[in-house]
Amino acid sequence: MFHTRIAFESGAARVWTDFALSPLLFLRAAHGHGLLPDHQQVISLSMTPTAGYFHLHLISDSTGETLITVARAAAAQYAKISPVEHVHPLVRSQKQLDRVIVEVEETPGIVLYTLLQENLAAKLEEKCRELRLPCLSILGPVLHLFQSYLGAESTHKVGAQHTLNAEYFRRIDALNYTMMHDDGQQADDFEEADVLLIGVSRTSKTPTSIYLANRGVKTANIPLVPGVPLLPGIEQLKHPLVVGLFATPERIVQIRQNRLLGLKAHRDDDKYIDQKSVADEVSASRRLCAKHNWPLIDVTRRSIEETAAAVLALLVERRRHMAS
């Protein structure tokens, strides 16, 4: 372990504290690759007692999606302090970086970056040291780990994950299919779907379908409506994995009420938001799935990403079982 000193400032006071950091934070490959410098950095964090936010600069030579995902995952662990995101995508020249540095100077805070050009990464790190701001390469330690294990250099290709290859077009095809088969549309070719989501209204079928499509999974979805029989032929489908989504009646009623209020169509006597009627809907959907041995996922406390991850896990398991 390495030790560094971090200064916390409040007004005129400065308190220095020793922190133990992983050695990875100070590793630099022989040819750089935008990792942190091999000397220890003194990082000054300016803290004010009343601040409920901090500035977070995300600097990328590509779309910035990797940075945004990592930064938000970390920031979510600090519920009482909100980040003010400054996203700087497609930074690929010195002139572009200079403009970013001006904004960093005006709104100092944490700086995270993914810059594969060594001269740009070095310039950014140097400036952050001058401003006494924390600065970290998100991909640097990972690239160094890969290089150490594989014994090979990286390609240094900016935005390599966004190449227009077969995988990219597979995701576009999945997205097109999903959009055309939302809410029970074009049911005649549901057999082409990888996944078919079913559930009562307001169980996140459409957003989950779109998220899965972005992962290359052709996804259709159909609503279960009280008094309306299931679309013919659904029980005979062979290729798609049929998954039922459900939530607690209380949660569904809450979502439906909010939707009706947004549409200015709220009615207290509407069965759509009657808790007993909704409970019957949920029970009927669960019985239907149990009858056909379709897996069920409770989405009450799940995010769209978590629901999609659960569906993907079921799909992987099904394909593994079919292969064996």
Foldseek 3Di string as FASTA:
>chain_A
DDKAWEWEDEVPDTDIDIDDDDQLQQDADPVGQLGHHNDDAHAYDYDYPPAQEAEEEEEELADSPVVVVVVVVVVVVPVRHYYDYDYHYNPDDPVSLVVVLVVCVVGPAAYEYAQRPRVSSVVVNVSCSVVRHHYGYPCRSVQVVCCVVVVDHDPSDGPPVPDPDPQVVLLVVLQVLAVQQEANHPVVVCLPFQAEEEEAPPQCQNVLSNVVSNNNGNYHYHYDDPPDDDDPPPLVRDRYQYEYEDEQLVQQLVVVQVVCVVVVNDDPPDLSNDSVSSNVRRVVSVVVCVVSVHHYDYCHPPDSVRVNVVVVVVSVVVVVVVVD
